[in-house]
C-alpha atoms as a PDB file:
ATOM      1  CA  MET A   1     -70.216  -1.382 -24.441  1.00  0.00           C
ATOM      2  CA  LYS A   2     -68.697  -0.456 -27.770  1.00  0.00           C
ATOM      3  CA  ILE A   3     -65.174   0.041 -26.004  1.00  0.00           C
ATOM      4  CA  ILE A   4     -65.326  -3.700 -23.964  1.00  0.00           C
ATOM      5  CA  GLY A   5     -65.950  -4.605 -27.476  1.00  0.00           C
ATOM      6  CA  GLY A   6     -63.186  -3.285 -28.925  1.00  0.00           C
ATOM      7  CA  LEU A   7     -61.005  -3.708 -26.602  1.00  0.00           C
ATOM      8  CA  LEU A   8     -61.885  -7.581 -27.259  1.00  0.00           C
ATOM      9  CA  GLY A   9     -61.905  -7.530 -30.479  1.00  0.00           C
ATOM     10  CA  LEU A  10     -58.680  -5.476 -29.995  1.00  0.00           C
ATOM     11  CA  PHE A  11     -56.888  -7.620 -27.773  1.00  0.00           C
ATOM     12  CA  GLY A  12     -57.553 -10.619 -30.574  1.00  0.00           C
ATOM     13  CA  ALA A  13     -56.094  -9.544 -32.590  1.00  0.00           C
ATOM     14  CA  THR A  14     -53.470  -8.576 -30.565  1.00  0.00           C
ATOM     15  CA  LEU A  15     -53.342 -12.643 -29.976  1.00  0.00           C
ATOM     16  CA  LEU A  16     -53.358 -13.957 -33.311  1.00  0.00           C
ATOM     17  CA  CYS A  17     -50.616 -11.432 -34.644  1.00  0.00           C
ATOM     18  CA  ALA A  18     -48.182 -12.406 -31.670  1.00  0.00           C
ATOM     19  CA  ALA A  19     -48.869 -15.108 -31.345  1.00  0.00           C
ATOM     20  CA  PRO A  20     -46.486 -17.190 -33.780  1.00  0.00           C
ATOM     21  CA  ALA A  21     -43.647 -14.969 -31.888  1.00  0.00           C
ATOM     22  CA  GLN A  22     -44.607 -15.813 -29.046  1.00  0.00           C
ATOM     23  CA  ALA A  23     -44.803 -19.461 -29.725  1.00  0.00           C
ATOM     24  CA  GLN A  24     -41.295 -20.258 -29.521  1.00  0.00           C
ATOM     25  CA  SER A  25     -40.761 -19.184 -25.428  1.00  0.00           C
ATOM     26  CA  GLN A  26     -44.682 -18.748 -24.047  1.00  0.00           C
ATOM     27  CA  GLN A  27     -45.199 -21.985 -22.053  1.00  0.00           C
ATOM     28  CA  GLN A  28     -48.315 -23.739 -24.706  1.00  0.00           C
ATOM     29  CA  VAL A  29     -49.542 -25.354 -21.272  1.00  0.00           C
ATOM     30  CA  VAL A  30     -50.342 -23.514 -18.623  1.00  0.00           C
ATOM     31  CA  THR A  31     -49.584 -26.125 -15.219  1.00  0.00           C
ATOM     32  CA  GLN A  32     -50.171 -24.022 -11.841  1.00  0.00           C
ATOM     33  CA  PHE A  33     -50.635 -20.033 -11.485  1.00  0.00           C
ATOM     34  CA  ASN A  34     -47.135 -18.929 -10.113  1.00  0.00           C
ATOM     35  CA  ASP A  35     -46.142 -15.429 -10.926  1.00  0.00           C
ATOM     36  CA  SER A  36     -44.795 -15.031 -14.694  1.00  0.00           C
ATOM     37  CA  THR A  37     -47.697 -16.905 -15.291  1.00  0.00           C
ATOM     38  CA  ILE A  38     -49.944 -14.338 -14.497  1.00  0.00           C
ATOM     39  CA  SER A  39     -47.827 -11.626 -15.208  1.00  0.00           C
ATOM     40  CA  ARG A  40     -48.500 -12.799 -19.164  1.00  0.00           C
ATOM     41  CA  LEU A  41     -51.097 -13.441 -19.028  1.00  0.00           C
ATOM     42  CA  LEU A  42     -52.282 -10.078 -17.268  1.00  0.00           C
ATOM     43  CA  LEU A  43     -49.679  -8.381 -20.469  1.00  0.00           C
ATOM     44  CA  ASP A  44     -51.253 -10.242 -23.104  1.00  0.00           C
ATOM     45  CA  VAL A  45     -54.375  -9.074 -22.315  1.00  0.00           C
ATOM     46  CA  GLY A  46     -53.838  -5.461 -22.081  1.00  0.00           C
ATOM     47  CA  THR A  47     -54.043  -4.691 -18.476  1.00  0.00           C
ATOM     48  CA  SER A  48     -51.640  -3.069 -16.166  1.00  0.00           C
ATOM     49  CA  TRP A  49     -51.479  -4.667 -12.494  1.00  0.00           C
ATOM     50  CA  ASN A  50     -49.744  -3.672  -8.523  1.00  0.00           C
ATOM     51  CA  ILE A  51     -48.989  -6.517  -7.096  1.00  0.00           C
ATOM     52  CA  GLU A  52     -50.023  -7.146  -3.664  1.00  0.00           C
ATOM     53  CA  GLY A  53     -50.067  -9.290  -0.602  1.00  0.00           C
ATOM     54  CA  GLY A  54     -53.935 -10.593   0.689  1.00  0.00           C
ATOM     55  CA  PRO A  55     -54.347 -11.609   4.248  1.00  0.00           C
ATOM     56  CA  ASN A  56     -52.668 -14.857   4.329  1.00  0.00           C
ATOM     57  CA  GLY A  57     -49.705 -13.845   2.497  1.00  0.00           C
ATOM     58  CA  GLU A  58     -50.737 -14.981  -0.825  1.00  0.00           C
ATOM     59  CA  LYS A  59     -50.119 -12.786  -3.929  1.00  0.00           C
ATOM     60  CA  VAL A  60     -52.866 -10.317  -5.519  1.00  0.00           C
ATOM     61  CA  TYR A  61     -52.641  -8.625  -8.413  1.00  0.00           C
ATOM     62  CA  ARG A  62     -55.046  -5.647  -8.762  1.00  0.00           C
ATOM     63  CA  ALA A  63     -55.600  -5.479 -12.883  1.00  0.00           C
ATOM     64  CA  SER A  64     -56.547  -2.839 -15.135  1.00  0.00           C
ATOM     65  CA  ALA A  65     -57.719  -2.549 -18.721  1.00  0.00           C
ATOM     66  CA  GLU A  66     -59.335   0.073 -20.599  1.00  0.00           C
ATOM     67  CA  GLY A  67     -62.653   1.208 -20.292  1.00  0.00           C
ATOM     68  CA  GLY A  68     -62.391   1.053 -16.991  1.00  0.00           C
ATOM     69  CA  ILE A  69     -62.831  -2.131 -15.488  1.00  0.00           C
ATOM     70  CA  ASN A  70     -60.955  -2.871 -12.395  1.00  0.00           C
ATOM     71  CA  PHE A  71     -60.338  -6.750 -11.307  1.00  0.00           C
ATOM     72  CA  THR A  72     -58.043  -8.434  -8.803  1.00  0.00           C
ATOM     73  CA  LEU A  73     -56.443 -11.557  -9.763  1.00  0.00           C
ATOM     74  CA  SER A  74     -55.889 -14.614  -6.609  1.00  0.00           C
ATOM     75  CA  PRO A  75     -54.293 -17.472  -6.319  1.00  0.00           C
ATOM     76  CA  ARG A  76     -56.344 -20.538  -5.088  1.00  0.00           C
ATOM     77  CA  ALA A  77     -55.510 -24.365  -4.612  1.00  0.00           C
ATOM     78  CA  CYS A  78     -51.970 -24.063  -3.936  1.00  0.00           C
ATOM     79  CA  ALA A  79     -49.685 -26.917  -2.184  1.00  0.00           C
ATOM     80  CA  ALA A  80     -45.789 -26.705  -2.246  1.00  0.00           C
ATOM     81  CA  GLU A  81     -46.303 -30.597  -4.617  1.00  0.00           C
ATOM     82  CA  THR A  82     -48.164 -28.668  -7.633  1.00  0.00           C
ATOM     83  CA  GLY A  83     -48.460 -24.725  -6.927  1.00  0.00           C
ATOM     84  CA  CYS A  84     -50.993 -22.488  -6.801  1.00  0.00           C
ATOM     85  CA  VAL A  85     -53.454 -24.450  -9.500  1.00  0.00           C
ATOM     86  CA  GLY A  86     -56.219 -22.034  -9.588  1.00  0.00           C
ATOM     87  CA  LEU A  87     -57.134 -18.272 -10.604  1.00  0.00           C
ATOM     88  CA  LEU A  88     -59.482 -16.708  -8.806  1.00  0.00           C
ATOM     89  CA  LEU A  89     -61.126 -13.259 -10.489  1.00  0.00           C
ATOM     90  CA  ILE A  90     -62.595 -10.946  -8.829  1.00  0.00           C
ATOM     91  CA  ALA A  91     -64.341  -7.332  -9.934  1.00  0.00           C
ATOM     92  CA  VAL A  92     -67.204  -5.901  -7.006  1.00  0.00           C
ATOM     93  CA  PHE A  93     -69.159  -2.857  -7.350  1.00  0.00           C
ATOM     94  CA  THR A  94     -71.041  -0.177  -4.374  1.00  0.00           C
ATOM     95  CA  ARG A  95     -73.493  -0.562  -4.230  1.00  0.00           C
ATOM     96  CA  ASN A  96     -76.684   1.595  -5.567  1.00  0.00           C
ATOM     97  CA  ASP A  97     -78.440   2.550  -2.844  1.00  0.00           C
ATOM     98  CA  GLN A  98     -81.576   3.530  -5.202  1.00  0.00           C
ATOM     99  CA  ARG A  99     -83.461   0.106  -6.184  1.00  0.00           C
ATOM    100  CA  THR A 100     -84.123  -2.670  -2.553  1.00  0.00           C
ATOM    101  CA  LEU A 101     -81.592  -5.483  -1.953  1.00  0.00           C
ATOM    102  CA  GLY A 102     -84.741  -7.253  -3.622  1.00  0.00           C
ATOM    103  CA  GLU A 103     -84.519  -6.128  -6.719  1.00  0.00           C
ATOM    104  CA  LEU A 104     -81.363  -6.576  -6.823  1.00  0.00           C
ATOM    105  CA  ASP A 105     -81.432 -10.359  -6.323  1.00  0.00           C
ATOM    106  CA  GLN A 106     -84.053 -10.845  -8.726  1.00  0.00           C
ATOM    107  CA  LEU A 107     -81.435  -8.474 -11.363  1.00  0.00           C
ATOM    108  CA  LEU A 108     -79.032 -10.865 -10.480  1.00  0.00           C
ATOM    109  CA  ASN A 109     -80.164 -13.975 -10.405  1.00  0.00           C
ATOM    110  CA  ARG A 110     -81.403 -12.889 -14.587  1.00  0.00           C
ATOM    111  CA  TYR A 111     -77.811 -11.894 -15.046  1.00  0.00           C
ATOM    112  CA  ASN A 112     -77.011 -15.486 -13.743  1.00  0.00           C
ATOM    113  CA  ASP A 113     -79.488 -17.342 -15.804  1.00  0.00           C
ATOM    114  CA  LEU A 114     -78.041 -14.950 -18.748  1.00  0.00           C
ATOM    115  CA  ASN A 115     -74.754 -15.427 -17.970  1.00  0.00           C
ATOM    116  CA  PRO A 116     -72.860 -17.953 -16.893  1.00  0.00           C
ATOM    117  CA  ASN A 117     -69.323 -17.419 -17.513  1.00  0.00           C
ATOM    118  CA  GLY A 118     -68.625 -16.380 -14.059  1.00  0.00           C
ATOM    119  CA  LYS A 119     -71.150 -15.535 -11.197  1.00  0.00           C
ATOM    120  CA  ALA A 120     -72.570 -12.361 -10.182  1.00  0.00           C
ATOM    121  CA  TYR A 121     -73.905 -12.453  -5.924  1.00  0.00           C
ATOM    122  CA  ARG A 122     -74.635  -9.524  -3.437  1.00  0.00           C
ATOM    123  CA  VAL A 123     -73.124  -9.620  -0.215  1.00  0.00           C
ATOM    124  CA  GLU A 124     -74.949  -8.368   3.307  1.00  0.00           C
ATOM    125  CA  ASP A 125     -73.677  -4.507   2.715  1.00  0.00           C
ATOM    126  CA  GLY A 126     -75.608  -5.139  -0.624  1.00  0.00           C
ATOM    127  CA  THR A 127     -71.585  -4.925  -2.369  1.00  0.00           C
ATOM    128  CA  VAL A 128     -72.073  -7.215  -5.243  1.00  0.00           C
ATOM    129  CA  VAL A 129     -69.333  -9.111  -6.484  1.00  0.00           C
ATOM    130  CA  LEU A 130     -68.675 -10.503  -9.837  1.00  0.00           C
ATOM    131  CA  GLN A 131     -66.145 -14.174  -9.517  1.00  0.00           C
ATOM    132  CA  GLY A 132     -64.444 -16.313 -12.408  1.00  0.00           C
ATOM    133  CA  TYR A 133     -62.300 -19.295 -11.486  1.00  0.00           C
ATOM    134  CA  ILE A 134     -60.044 -20.467 -13.834  1.00  0.00           C
ATOM    135  CA  ASN A 135     -58.872 -24.761 -13.152  1.00  0.00           C
ATOM    136  CA  ALA A 136     -56.241 -25.958 -14.565  1.00  0.00           C
ATOM    137  CA  VAL A 137     -55.006 -28.732 -12.698  1.00  0.00           C
ATOM    138  CA  TYR A 138     -54.802 -30.504 -14.951  1.00  0.00           C
ATOM    139  CA  GLY A 139     -53.181 -28.730 -17.630  1.00  0.00           C
ATOM    140  CA  ILE A 140     -55.105 -25.856 -19.712  1.00  0.00           C
ATOM    141  CA  SER A 141     -53.812 -24.140 -23.207  1.00  0.00           C
ATOM    142  CA  TYR A 142     -52.192 -20.715 -23.032  1.00  0.00           C
ATOM    143  CA  PRO A 143     -54.504 -19.667 -25.257  1.00  0.00           C
ATOM    144  CA  ASN A 144     -57.837 -21.621 -23.024  1.00  0.00           C
ATOM    145  CA  ALA A 145     -56.591 -19.028 -19.773  1.00  0.00           C
ATOM    146  CA  GLN A 146     -56.294 -15.792 -21.844  1.00  0.00           C
ATOM    147  CA  ALA A 147     -60.144 -16.080 -23.610  1.00  0.00           C
ATOM    148  CA  GLN A 148     -61.500 -17.041 -20.789  1.00  0.00           C
ATOM    149  CA  ILE A 149     -59.939 -13.866 -18.608  1.00  0.00           C
ATOM    150  CA  LEU A 150     -61.505 -11.544 -22.091  1.00  0.00           C
ATOM    151  CA  VAL A 151     -64.438 -13.064 -21.136  1.00  0.00           C
ATOM    152  CA  PHE A 152     -64.611 -12.195 -17.688  1.00  0.00           C
ATOM    153  CA  GLY A 153     -63.435  -8.980 -18.450  1.00  0.00           C
ATOM    154  CA  GLN A 154     -66.269  -8.338 -20.897  1.00  0.00           C
ATOM    155  CA  GLU A 155     -68.958 -10.338 -18.512  1.00  0.00           C
ATOM    156  CA  LEU A 156     -67.846  -7.448 -15.891  1.00  0.00           C
ATOM    157  CA  GLY A 157     -68.479  -4.871 -18.796  1.00  0.00           C
ATOM    158  CA  LYS A 158     -71.669  -6.119 -18.947  1.00  0.00           C
ATOM    159  CA  LEU A 159     -72.473  -6.714 -15.489  1.00  0.00           C
ATOM    160  CA  ARG A 160     -71.209  -3.001 -14.872  1.00  0.00           C
ATOM    161  CA  ASN A 161     -74.472  -1.172 -17.130  1.00  0.00           C
ATOM    162  CA  GLU A 162     -76.878  -3.315 -16.300  1.00  0.00           C
ATOM    163  CA  LEU A 163     -76.275  -2.170 -12.638  1.00  0.00           C
ATOM    164  CA  THR A 164     -76.187   1.189 -13.817  1.00  0.00           C
ATOM    165  CA  ALA A 165     -78.959   0.363 -15.736  1.00  0.00           C
ATOM    166  CA  PHE A 166     -80.422  -1.079 -12.992  1.00  0.00           C
ATOM    167  CA  GLY A 167     -79.763   2.669 -10.700  1.00  0.00           C
ATOM    168  CA  GLU A 168     -80.992   4.767 -13.152  1.00  0.00           C
ATOM    169  CA  GLY A 169     -84.726   2.915 -12.976  1.00  0.00           C
ATOM    170  CA  GLY A 170     -84.084   0.231 -15.692  1.00  0.00           C
ATOM    171  CA  ARG A 171     -84.707  -3.328 -15.642  1.00  0.00           C
END
């Protein structure tokens, strides 16, 4: 958790210092999530990423950050006249078979009650998914979009720690 806190602090400090220099060149309101906007957001929050093709031909961004933070971003709510106005953020955790699915469901329900910025759920095979969504239908400030990605990374770290403790018999 210290790594994630430090990472978020570093990101925040970087954003504050870089804001005046970047203000002239960056779009201040995000109205769609195109390749340029997503790449700039990922760069500004300090991730590395690669772009892959999704099952329906859409672009999927696989991002990694310091501290073992890995997640996927995929544009959503796409139309010819507006572009893609939604951005789906997903992190996947493999199941630890030491606990029952019922116990896992209880953990995820508690997690969701305490962490409203994303939604954690499990799929049939017990894989755990953390999901977030950024909506730019009426525009969203660029710093707000950045902050939402950073918060998702923080939530990802929290859930990873919860699942690790859970697999070791805690909680």
